[in-house]
Amino acid sequence: MSAGGIVSSTAGADAAVNELVGIDTSAYADQQVTFGFATGIAGMDAGRDVTNHLFQAVAQFSAAVLGQANKFPELASSIQKRDVADAERWADAS
């Protein structure tokens, strides 16, 4: 995704969202880290718990970002329509 100015390009908005759609982290929410030893090593148990919570948090965050990103094509379309109407008014005024 390239950095750039804010524009009312529906194609640009679609391209940006399509890059995010290709990143699927939903499987991480159910993923669990396990170790091949009995519990009881406090540092290892804590590390496992943190990693398991991290998997869930990343999946939830990614889903939230994608949900917001999916709004951009509609927003870009609205802005583009407004820009066209503004351009037509300016053309009529000159």
PDB file of N, CA and C in Angstrom:
ATOM      1  N   MET A   1       0.856  -1.156   0.000  1.00  0.00           N
ATOM      2  CA  MET A   1       0.000   0.000   0.000  1.00  0.00           C
ATOM      3  C   MET A   1       0.905   1.221   0.000  1.00  0.00           C
ATOM      4  N   SER A   2       0.729   2.092  -0.937  1.00  0.00           N
ATOM      5  CA  SER A   2       1.588   3.257  -1.023  1.00  0.00           C
ATOM      6  C   SER A   2       0.970   4.428  -0.282  1.00  0.00           C
ATOM      7  N   ALA A   3       1.819   5.267   0.273  1.00  0.00           N
ATOM      8  CA  ALA A   3       1.353   6.460   0.968  1.00  0.00           C
ATOM      9  C   ALA A   3       1.057   7.532  -0.062  1.00  0.00           C
ATOM     10  N   GLY A   4       0.082   8.333   0.227  1.00  0.00           N
ATOM     11  CA  GLY A   4      -0.255   9.399  -0.703  1.00  0.00           C
ATOM     12  C   GLY A   4      -1.300  10.299  -0.100  1.00  0.00           C
ATOM     13  N   GLY A   5      -1.742  11.262  -0.886  1.00  0.00           N
ATOM     14  CA  GLY A   5      -2.738  12.201  -0.430  1.00  0.00           C
ATOM     15  C   GLY A   5      -4.122  11.581  -0.405  1.00  0.00           C
ATOM     16  N   ILE A   6      -5.024  12.282   0.212  1.00  0.00           N
ATOM     17  CA  ILE A   6      -6.413  11.834   0.269  1.00  0.00           C
ATOM     18  C   ILE A   6      -7.073  12.215  -1.039  1.00  0.00           C
ATOM     19  N   VAL A   7      -7.642  11.246  -1.721  1.00  0.00           N
ATOM     20  CA  VAL A   7      -8.309  11.490  -2.990  1.00  0.00           C
ATOM     21  C   VAL A   7      -9.658  10.774  -2.987  1.00  0.00           C
ATOM     22  N   SER A   8     -10.533  11.204  -3.867  1.00  0.00           N
ATOM     23  CA  SER A   8     -11.851  10.580  -3.950  1.00  0.00           C
ATOM     24  C   SER A   8     -11.867   9.531  -5.050  1.00  0.00           C
ATOM     25  N   SER A   9     -10.896   8.664  -5.028  1.00  0.00           N
ATOM     26  CA  SER A   9     -10.779   7.636  -6.049  1.00  0.00           C
ATOM     27  C   SER A   9     -11.369   6.328  -5.524  1.00  0.00           C
ATOM     28  N   THR A  10     -12.450   5.900  -6.160  1.00  0.00           N
ATOM     29  CA  THR A  10     -13.024   4.617  -5.746  1.00  0.00           C
ATOM     30  C   THR A  10     -12.079   3.477  -6.075  1.00  0.00           C
ATOM     31  N   ALA A  11     -11.330   3.596  -7.150  1.00  0.00           N
ATOM     32  CA  ALA A  11     -10.366   2.549  -7.504  1.00  0.00           C
ATOM     33  C   ALA A  11      -9.262   2.472  -6.456  1.00  0.00           C
ATOM     34  N   GLY A  12      -8.804   3.629  -5.982  1.00  0.00           N
ATOM     35  CA  GLY A  12      -7.781   3.651  -4.943  1.00  0.00           C
ATOM     36  C   GLY A  12      -8.276   3.046  -3.644  1.00  0.00           C
ATOM     37  N   ALA A  13      -9.507   3.355  -3.288  1.00  0.00           N
ATOM     38  CA  ALA A  13     -10.087   2.796  -2.067  1.00  0.00           C
ATOM     39  C   ALA A  13     -10.245   1.282  -2.190  1.00  0.00           C
ATOM     40  N   ASP A  14     -10.732   0.829  -3.333  1.00  0.00           N
ATOM     41  CA  ASP A  14     -10.876  -0.619  -3.550  1.00  0.00           C
ATOM     42  C   ASP A  14      -9.529  -1.326  -3.481  1.00  0.00           C
ATOM     43  N   ALA A  15      -8.498  -0.719  -4.072  1.00  0.00           N
ATOM     44  CA  ALA A  15      -7.172  -1.331  -4.073  1.00  0.00           C
ATOM     45  C   ALA A  15      -6.620  -1.430  -2.653  1.00  0.00           C
ATOM     46  N   ALA A  16      -6.821  -0.395  -1.865  1.00  0.00           N
ATOM     47  CA  ALA A  16      -6.322  -0.404  -0.488  1.00  0.00           C
ATOM     48  C   ALA A  16      -7.026  -1.476   0.336  1.00  0.00           C
ATOM     49  N   VAL A  17      -8.331  -1.583   0.187  1.00  0.00           N
ATOM     50  CA  VAL A  17      -9.082  -2.591   0.946  1.00  0.00           C
ATOM     51  C   VAL A  17      -8.711  -3.991   0.485  1.00  0.00           C
ATOM     52  N   ASN A  18      -8.499  -4.172  -0.819  1.00  0.00           N
ATOM     53  CA  ASN A  18      -8.142  -5.500  -1.325  1.00  0.00           C
ATOM     54  C   ASN A  18      -6.822  -5.992  -0.751  1.00  0.00           C
ATOM     55  N   GLU A  19      -5.905  -5.074  -0.452  1.00  0.00           N
ATOM     56  CA  GLU A  19      -4.656  -5.486   0.174  1.00  0.00           C
ATOM     57  C   GLU A  19      -4.910  -6.031   1.570  1.00  0.00           C
ATOM     58  N   LEU A  20      -5.843  -5.435   2.291  1.00  0.00           N
ATOM     59  CA  LEU A  20      -6.145  -5.904   3.643  1.00  0.00           C
ATOM     60  C   LEU A  20      -6.933  -7.205   3.632  1.00  0.00           C
ATOM     61  N   VAL A  21      -7.794  -7.378   2.649  1.00  0.00           N
ATOM     62  CA  VAL A  21      -8.619  -8.584   2.584  1.00  0.00           C
ATOM     63  C   VAL A  21      -7.749  -9.831   2.460  1.00  0.00           C
ATOM     64  N   GLY A  22      -6.591  -9.686   1.825  1.00  0.00           N
ATOM     65  CA  GLY A  22      -5.702 -10.836   1.641  1.00  0.00           C
ATOM     66  C   GLY A  22      -5.022 -11.293   2.915  1.00  0.00           C
ATOM     67  N   ILE A  23      -5.153 -10.523   3.991  1.00  0.00           N
ATOM     68  CA  ILE A  23      -4.528 -10.889   5.260  1.00  0.00           C
ATOM     69  C   ILE A  23      -5.602 -11.499   6.149  1.00  0.00           C
ATOM     70  N   ASP A  24      -5.535 -12.789   6.336  1.00  0.00           N
ATOM     71  CA  ASP A  24      -6.547 -13.491   7.127  1.00  0.00           C
ATOM     72  C   ASP A  24      -5.927 -13.966   8.430  1.00  0.00           C
ATOM     73  N   THR A  25      -6.367 -13.378   9.520  1.00  0.00           N
ATOM     74  CA  THR A  25      -5.853 -13.778  10.833  1.00  0.00           C
ATOM     75  C   THR A  25      -6.922 -14.482  11.666  1.00  0.00           C
ATOM     76  N   SER A  26      -8.039 -14.817  11.053  1.00  0.00           N
ATOM     77  CA  SER A  26      -9.129 -15.414  11.819  1.00  0.00           C
ATOM     78  C   SER A  26      -8.741 -16.741  12.464  1.00  0.00           C
ATOM     79  N   ALA A  27      -7.850 -17.481  11.858  1.00  0.00           N
ATOM     80  CA  ALA A  27      -7.451 -18.776  12.424  1.00  0.00           C
ATOM     81  C   ALA A  27      -6.651 -18.621  13.716  1.00  0.00           C
ATOM     82  N   TYR A  28      -6.052 -17.454  13.918  1.00  0.00           N
ATOM     83  CA  TYR A  28      -5.245 -17.256  15.119  1.00  0.00           C
ATOM     84  C   TYR A  28      -6.078 -17.160  16.384  1.00  0.00           C
ATOM     85  N   ALA A  29      -7.337 -16.758  16.266  1.00  0.00           N
ATOM     86  CA  ALA A  29      -8.189 -16.618  17.453  1.00  0.00           C
ATOM     87  C   ALA A  29      -8.366 -17.949  18.164  1.00  0.00           C
ATOM     88  N   ASP A  30      -8.398 -19.034  17.431  1.00  0.00           N
ATOM     89  CA  ASP A  30      -8.608 -20.350  18.026  1.00  0.00           C
ATOM     90  C   ASP A  30      -7.310 -21.120  18.229  1.00  0.00           C
ATOM     91  N   GLN A  31      -6.205 -20.546  17.830  1.00  0.00           N
ATOM     92  CA  GLN A  31      -4.925 -21.240  17.957  1.00  0.00           C
ATOM     93  C   GLN A  31      -4.451 -21.185  19.399  1.00  0.00           C
ATOM     94  N   GLN A  32      -3.893 -22.281  19.862  1.00  0.00           N
ATOM     95  CA  GLN A  32      -3.391 -22.379  21.226  1.00  0.00           C
ATOM     96  C   GLN A  32      -1.970 -22.911  21.207  1.00  0.00           C
ATOM     97  N   VAL A  33      -1.156 -22.339  22.057  1.00  0.00           N
ATOM     98  CA  VAL A  33       0.211 -22.821  22.226  1.00  0.00           C
ATOM     99  C   VAL A  33       0.199 -23.857  23.336  1.00  0.00           C
ATOM    100  N   THR A  34       0.827 -24.970  23.077  1.00  0.00           N
ATOM    101  CA  THR A  34       0.966 -25.998  24.112  1.00  0.00           C
ATOM    102  C   THR A  34       2.418 -26.446  24.168  1.00  0.00           C
ATOM    103  N   PHE A  35       2.812 -26.936  25.297  1.00  0.00           N
ATOM    104  CA  PHE A  35       4.167 -27.433  25.465  1.00  0.00           C
ATOM    105  C   PHE A  35       4.122 -28.922  25.754  1.00  0.00           C
ATOM    106  N   GLY A  36       5.186 -29.612  25.398  1.00  0.00           N
ATOM    107  CA  GLY A  36       5.241 -31.062  25.591  1.00  0.00           C
ATOM    108  C   GLY A  36       5.759 -31.459  26.960  1.00  0.00           C
ATOM    109  N   PHE A  37       5.453 -30.696  27.982  1.00  0.00           N
ATOM    110  CA  PHE A  37       5.873 -31.032  29.332  1.00  0.00           C
ATOM    111  C   PHE A  37       4.718 -30.759  30.275  1.00  0.00           C
ATOM    112  N   ALA A  38       4.817 -31.253  31.463  1.00  0.00           N
ATOM    113  CA  ALA A  38       3.785 -31.008  32.469  1.00  0.00           C
ATOM    114  C   ALA A  38       3.878 -29.552  32.926  1.00  0.00           C
ATOM    115  N   THR A  39       2.769 -29.000  33.327  1.00  0.00           N
ATOM    116  CA  THR A  39       2.770 -27.624  33.808  1.00  0.00           C
ATOM    117  C   THR A  39       3.552 -27.537  35.108  1.00  0.00           C
ATOM    118  N   GLY A  40       3.810 -26.339  35.513  1.00  0.00           N
ATOM    119  CA  GLY A  40       4.506 -26.154  36.775  1.00  0.00           C
ATOM    120  C   GLY A  40       5.716 -25.262  36.664  1.00  0.00           C
ATOM    121  N   ILE A  41       6.178 -24.981  35.453  1.00  0.00           N
ATOM    122  CA  ILE A  41       7.276 -24.035  35.288  1.00  0.00           C
ATOM    123  C   ILE A  41       6.621 -22.678  35.057  1.00  0.00           C
ATOM    124  N   ALA A  42       6.676 -21.826  36.085  1.00  0.00           N
ATOM    125  CA  ALA A  42       5.902 -20.583  36.086  1.00  0.00           C
ATOM    126  C   ALA A  42       6.174 -19.721  34.853  1.00  0.00           C
ATOM    127  N   GLY A  43       7.415 -19.538  34.479  1.00  0.00           N
ATOM    128  CA  GLY A  43       7.744 -18.701  33.326  1.00  0.00           C
ATOM    129  C   GLY A  43       7.192 -19.260  32.036  1.00  0.00           C
ATOM    130  N   MET A  44       7.249 -20.567  31.876  1.00  0.00           N
ATOM    131  CA  MET A  44       6.718 -21.195  30.658  1.00  0.00           C
ATOM    132  C   MET A  44       5.192 -21.114  30.632  1.00  0.00           C
ATOM    133  N   ASP A  45       4.570 -21.321  31.787  1.00  0.00           N
ATOM    134  CA  ASP A  45       3.109 -21.219  31.855  1.00  0.00           C
ATOM    135  C   ASP A  45       2.654 -19.794  31.524  1.00  0.00           C
ATOM    136  N   ALA A  46       3.352 -18.805  32.070  1.00  0.00           N
ATOM    137  CA  ALA A  46       3.001 -17.409  31.807  1.00  0.00           C
ATOM    138  C   ALA A  46       3.211 -17.075  30.332  1.00  0.00           C
ATOM    139  N   GLY A  47       4.315 -17.547  29.758  1.00  0.00           N
ATOM    140  CA  GLY A  47       4.575 -17.308  28.345  1.00  0.00           C
ATOM    141  C   GLY A  47       3.509 -17.922  27.455  1.00  0.00           C
ATOM    142  N   ARG A  48       3.082 -19.124  27.788  1.00  0.00           N
ATOM    143  CA  ARG A  48       2.015 -19.787  27.025  1.00  0.00           C
ATOM    144  C   ARG A  48       0.721 -18.990  27.120  1.00  0.00           C
ATOM    145  N   ASP A  49       0.371 -18.547  28.322  1.00  0.00           N
ATOM    146  CA  ASP A  49      -0.870 -17.797  28.507  1.00  0.00           C
ATOM    147  C   ASP A  49      -0.841 -16.469  27.750  1.00  0.00           C
ATOM    148  N   VAL A  50       0.286 -15.770  27.817  1.00  0.00           N
ATOM    149  CA  VAL A  50       0.407 -14.492  27.108  1.00  0.00           C
ATOM    150  C   VAL A  50       0.284 -14.709  25.605  1.00  0.00           C
ATOM    151  N   THR A  51       0.941 -15.724  25.094  1.00  0.00           N
ATOM    152  CA  THR A  51       0.893 -16.002  23.655  1.00  0.00           C
ATOM    153  C   THR A  51      -0.519 -16.351  23.217  1.00  0.00           C
ATOM    154  N   ASN A  52      -1.221 -17.141  24.001  1.00  0.00           N
ATOM    155  CA  ASN A  52      -2.595 -17.511  23.654  1.00  0.00           C
ATOM    156  C   ASN A  52      -3.505 -16.286  23.646  1.00  0.00           C
ATOM    157  N   HIS A  53      -3.331 -15.385  24.609  1.00  0.00           N
ATOM    158  CA  HIS A  53      -4.124 -14.154  24.619  1.00  0.00           C
ATOM    159  C   HIS A  53      -3.748 -13.257  23.442  1.00  0.00           C
ATOM    160  N   LEU A  54      -2.484 -13.244  23.103  1.00  0.00           N
ATOM    161  CA  LEU A  54      -2.011 -12.424  21.983  1.00  0.00           C
ATOM    162  C   LEU A  54      -2.622 -12.893  20.663  1.00  0.00           C
ATOM    163  N   PHE A  55      -2.703 -14.197  20.471  1.00  0.00           N
ATOM    164  CA  PHE A  55      -3.339 -14.728  19.252  1.00  0.00           C
ATOM    165  C   PHE A  55      -4.768 -14.198  19.134  1.00  0.00           C
ATOM    166  N   GLN A  56      -5.505 -14.247  20.233  1.00  0.00           N
ATOM    167  CA  GLN A  56      -6.894 -13.787  20.213  1.00  0.00           C
ATOM    168  C   GLN A  56      -6.975 -12.285  19.959  1.00  0.00           C
ATOM    169  N   ALA A  57      -6.097 -11.516  20.598  1.00  0.00           N
ATOM    170  CA  ALA A  57      -6.122 -10.059  20.445  1.00  0.00           C
ATOM    171  C   ALA A  57      -5.784  -9.645  19.019  1.00  0.00           C
ATOM    172  N   VAL A  58      -4.810 -10.288  18.416  1.00  0.00           N
ATOM    173  CA  VAL A  58      -4.423  -9.950  17.039  1.00  0.00           C
ATOM    174  C   VAL A  58      -5.566 -10.258  16.079  1.00  0.00           C
ATOM    175  N   ALA A  59      -6.225 -11.378  16.274  1.00  0.00           N
ATOM    176  CA  ALA A  59      -7.346 -11.736  15.402  1.00  0.00           C
ATOM    177  C   ALA A  59      -8.493 -10.736  15.552  1.00  0.00           C
ATOM    178  N   GLN A  60      -8.792 -10.333  16.776  1.00  0.00           N
ATOM    179  CA  GLN A  60      -9.860  -9.363  16.994  1.00  0.00           C
ATOM    180  C   GLN A  60      -9.506  -8.000  16.416  1.00  0.00           C
ATOM    181  N   PHE A  61      -8.265  -7.579  16.602  1.00  0.00           N
ATOM    182  CA  PHE A  61      -7.819  -6.302  16.065  1.00  0.00           C
ATOM    183  C   PHE A  61      -7.872  -6.301  14.541  1.00  0.00           C
ATOM    184  N   SER A  62      -7.407  -7.373  13.935  1.00  0.00           N
ATOM    185  CA  SER A  62      -7.419  -7.478  12.475  1.00  0.00           C
ATOM    186  C   SER A  62      -8.835  -7.434  11.936  1.00  0.00           C
ATOM    187  N   ALA A  63      -9.753  -8.097  12.602  1.00  0.00           N
ATOM    188  CA  ALA A  63     -11.154  -8.076  12.177  1.00  0.00           C
ATOM    189  C   ALA A  63     -11.725  -6.662  12.281  1.00  0.00           C
ATOM    190  N   ALA A  64     -11.373  -5.949  13.340  1.00  0.00           N
ATOM    191  CA  ALA A  64     -11.853  -4.570  13.507  1.00  0.00           C
ATOM    192  C   ALA A  64     -11.288  -3.655  12.424  1.00  0.00           C
ATOM    193  N   VAL A  65     -10.004  -3.803  12.108  1.00  0.00           N
ATOM    194  CA  VAL A  65      -9.385  -2.987  11.063  1.00  0.00           C
ATOM    195  C   VAL A  65     -10.040  -3.270   9.719  1.00  0.00           C
ATOM    196  N   LEU A  66     -10.269  -4.530   9.408  1.00  0.00           N
ATOM    197  CA  LEU A  66     -10.908  -4.879   8.144  1.00  0.00           C
ATOM    198  C   LEU A  66     -12.334  -4.333   8.085  1.00  0.00           C
ATOM    199  N   GLY A  67     -13.045  -4.392   9.207  1.00  0.00           N
ATOM    200  CA  GLY A  67     -14.399  -3.834   9.247  1.00  0.00           C
ATOM    201  C   GLY A  67     -14.414  -2.351   8.929  1.00  0.00           C
ATOM    202  N   GLN A  68     -13.454  -1.614   9.470  1.00  0.00           N
ATOM    203  CA  GLN A  68     -13.363  -0.186   9.179  1.00  0.00           C
ATOM    204  C   GLN A  68     -12.911   0.049   7.739  1.00  0.00           C
ATOM    205  N   ALA A  69     -11.969  -0.754   7.278  1.00  0.00           N
ATOM    206  CA  ALA A  69     -11.447  -0.593   5.914  1.00  0.00           C
ATOM    207  C   ALA A  69     -12.535  -0.811   4.879  1.00  0.00           C
ATOM    208  N   ASN A  70     -13.456  -1.700   5.155  1.00  0.00           N
ATOM    209  CA  ASN A  70     -14.530  -1.972   4.202  1.00  0.00           C
ATOM    210  C   ASN A  70     -15.453  -0.776   4.006  1.00  0.00           C
ATOM    211  N   LYS A  71     -15.374   0.199   4.881  1.00  0.00           N
ATOM    212  CA  LYS A  71     -16.184   1.412   4.739  1.00  0.00           C
ATOM    213  C   LYS A  71     -15.584   2.394   3.730  1.00  0.00           C
ATOM    214  N   PHE A  72     -14.297   2.274   3.426  1.00  0.00           N
ATOM    215  CA  PHE A  72     -13.625   3.251   2.581  1.00  0.00           C
ATOM    216  C   PHE A  72     -14.134   3.317   1.148  1.00  0.00           C
ATOM    217  N   PRO A  73     -14.421   2.199   0.475  1.00  0.00           N
ATOM    218  CA  PRO A  73     -14.939   2.331  -0.893  1.00  0.00           C
ATOM    219  C   PRO A  73     -16.243   3.134  -0.961  1.00  0.00           C
ATOM    220  N   GLU A  74     -17.135   2.922  -0.001  1.00  0.00           N
ATOM    221  CA  GLU A  74     -18.390   3.675   0.012  1.00  0.00           C
ATOM    222  C   GLU A  74     -18.130   5.157   0.291  1.00  0.00           C
ATOM    223  N   LEU A  75     -17.228   5.437   1.218  1.00  0.00           N
ATOM    224  CA  LEU A  75     -16.872   6.817   1.519  1.00  0.00           C
ATOM    225  C   LEU A  75     -16.232   7.487   0.302  1.00  0.00           C
ATOM    226  N   ALA A  76     -15.329   6.781  -0.357  1.00  0.00           N
ATOM    227  CA  ALA A  76     -14.675   7.340  -1.555  1.00  0.00           C
ATOM    228  C   ALA A  76     -15.701   7.616  -2.650  1.00  0.00           C
ATOM    229  N   SER A  77     -16.677   6.743  -2.792  1.00  0.00           N
ATOM    230  CA  SER A  77     -17.722   6.948  -3.799  1.00  0.00           C
ATOM    231  C   SER A  77     -18.536   8.201  -3.483  1.00  0.00           C
ATOM    232  N   SER A  78     -18.869   8.396  -2.226  1.00  0.00           N
ATOM    233  CA  SER A  78     -19.623   9.596  -1.829  1.00  0.00           C
ATOM    234  C   SER A  78     -18.815  10.861  -2.093  1.00  0.00           C
ATOM    235  N   ILE A  79     -17.541  10.829  -1.745  1.00  0.00           N
ATOM    236  CA  ILE A  79     -16.682  11.994  -1.961  1.00  0.00           C
ATOM    237  C   ILE A  79     -16.515  12.259  -3.452  1.00  0.00           C
ATOM    238  N   GLN A  80     -16.375  11.186  -4.231  1.00  0.00           N
ATOM    239  CA  GLN A  80     -16.217  11.352  -5.671  1.00  0.00           C
ATOM    240  C   GLN A  80     -17.464  12.003  -6.284  1.00  0.00           C
ATOM    241  N   LYS A  81     -18.640  11.588  -5.858  1.00  0.00           N
ATOM    242  CA  LYS A  81     -19.884  12.182  -6.358  1.00  0.00           C
ATOM    243  C   LYS A  81     -19.952  13.664  -5.993  1.00  0.00           C
ATOM    244  N   ARG A  82     -19.552  13.974  -4.767  1.00  0.00           N
ATOM    245  CA  ARG A  82     -19.548  15.378  -4.332  1.00  0.00           C
ATOM    246  C   ARG A  82     -18.559  16.193  -5.162  1.00  0.00           C
ATOM    247  N   ASP A  83     -17.391  15.621  -5.429  1.00  0.00           N
ATOM    248  CA  ASP A  83     -16.387  16.320  -6.227  1.00  0.00           C
ATOM    249  C   ASP A  83     -16.880  16.587  -7.642  1.00  0.00           C
ATOM    250  N   VAL A  84     -17.569  15.622  -8.234  1.00  0.00           N
ATOM    251  CA  VAL A  84     -18.109  15.795  -9.586  1.00  0.00           C
ATOM    252  C   VAL A  84     -19.160  16.901  -9.584  1.00  0.00           C
ATOM    253  N   ALA A  85     -20.025  16.890  -8.582  1.00  0.00           N
ATOM    254  CA  ALA A  85     -21.051  17.934  -8.495  1.00  0.00           C
ATOM    255  C   ALA A  85     -20.415  19.306  -8.307  1.00  0.00           C
ATOM    256  N   ASP A  86     -19.381  19.391  -7.468  1.00  0.00           N
ATOM    257  CA  ASP A  86     -18.678  20.665  -7.281  1.00  0.00           C
ATOM    258  C   ASP A  86     -18.034  21.130  -8.581  1.00  0.00           C
ATOM    259  N   ALA A  87     -17.423  20.204  -9.307  1.00  0.00           N
ATOM    260  CA  ALA A  87     -16.777  20.559 -10.577  1.00  0.00           C
ATOM    261  C   ALA A  87     -17.802  21.075 -11.586  1.00  0.00           C
ATOM    262  N   GLU A  88     -18.967  20.439 -11.616  1.00  0.00           N
ATOM    263  CA  GLU A  88     -20.015  20.880 -12.541  1.00  0.00           C
ATOM    264  C   GLU A  88     -20.516  22.272 -12.179  1.00  0.00           C
ATOM    265  N   ARG A  89     -20.646  22.545 -10.876  1.00  0.00           N
ATOM    266  CA  ARG A  89     -21.090  23.889 -10.451  1.00  0.00           C
ATOM    267  C   ARG A  89     -20.045  24.943 -10.829  1.00  0.00           C
ATOM    268  N   TRP A  90     -18.782  24.613 -10.661  1.00  0.00           N
ATOM    269  CA  TRP A  90     -17.713  25.547 -11.030  1.00  0.00           C
ATOM    270  C   TRP A  90     -17.693  25.773 -12.551  1.00  0.00           C
ATOM    271  N   ALA A  91     -17.946  24.714 -13.305  1.00  0.00           N
ATOM    272  CA  ALA A  91     -17.958  24.851 -14.781  1.00  0.00           C
ATOM    273  C   ALA A  91     -19.125  25.729 -15.219  1.00  0.00           C
ATOM    274  N   ASP A  92     -20.268  25.548 -14.560  1.00  0.00           N
ATOM    275  CA  ASP A  92     -21.448  26.360 -14.904  1.00  0.00           C
ATOM    276  C   ASP A  92     -21.264  27.829 -14.508  1.00  0.00           C
ATOM    277  N   ALA A  93     -20.517  28.065 -13.439  1.00  0.00           N
ATOM    278  CA  ALA A  93     -20.318  29.432 -12.950  1.00  0.00           C
ATOM    279  C   ALA A  93     -19.340  30.217 -13.821  1.00  0.00           C
ATOM    280  N   SER A  94     -18.471  29.528 -14.546  1.00  0.00           N
ATOM    281  CA  SER A  94     -17.475  30.255 -15.337  1.00  0.00           C
ATOM    282  C   SER A  94     -17.912  30.559 -16.736  1.00  0.00           C
TER     283      SER A  94
END
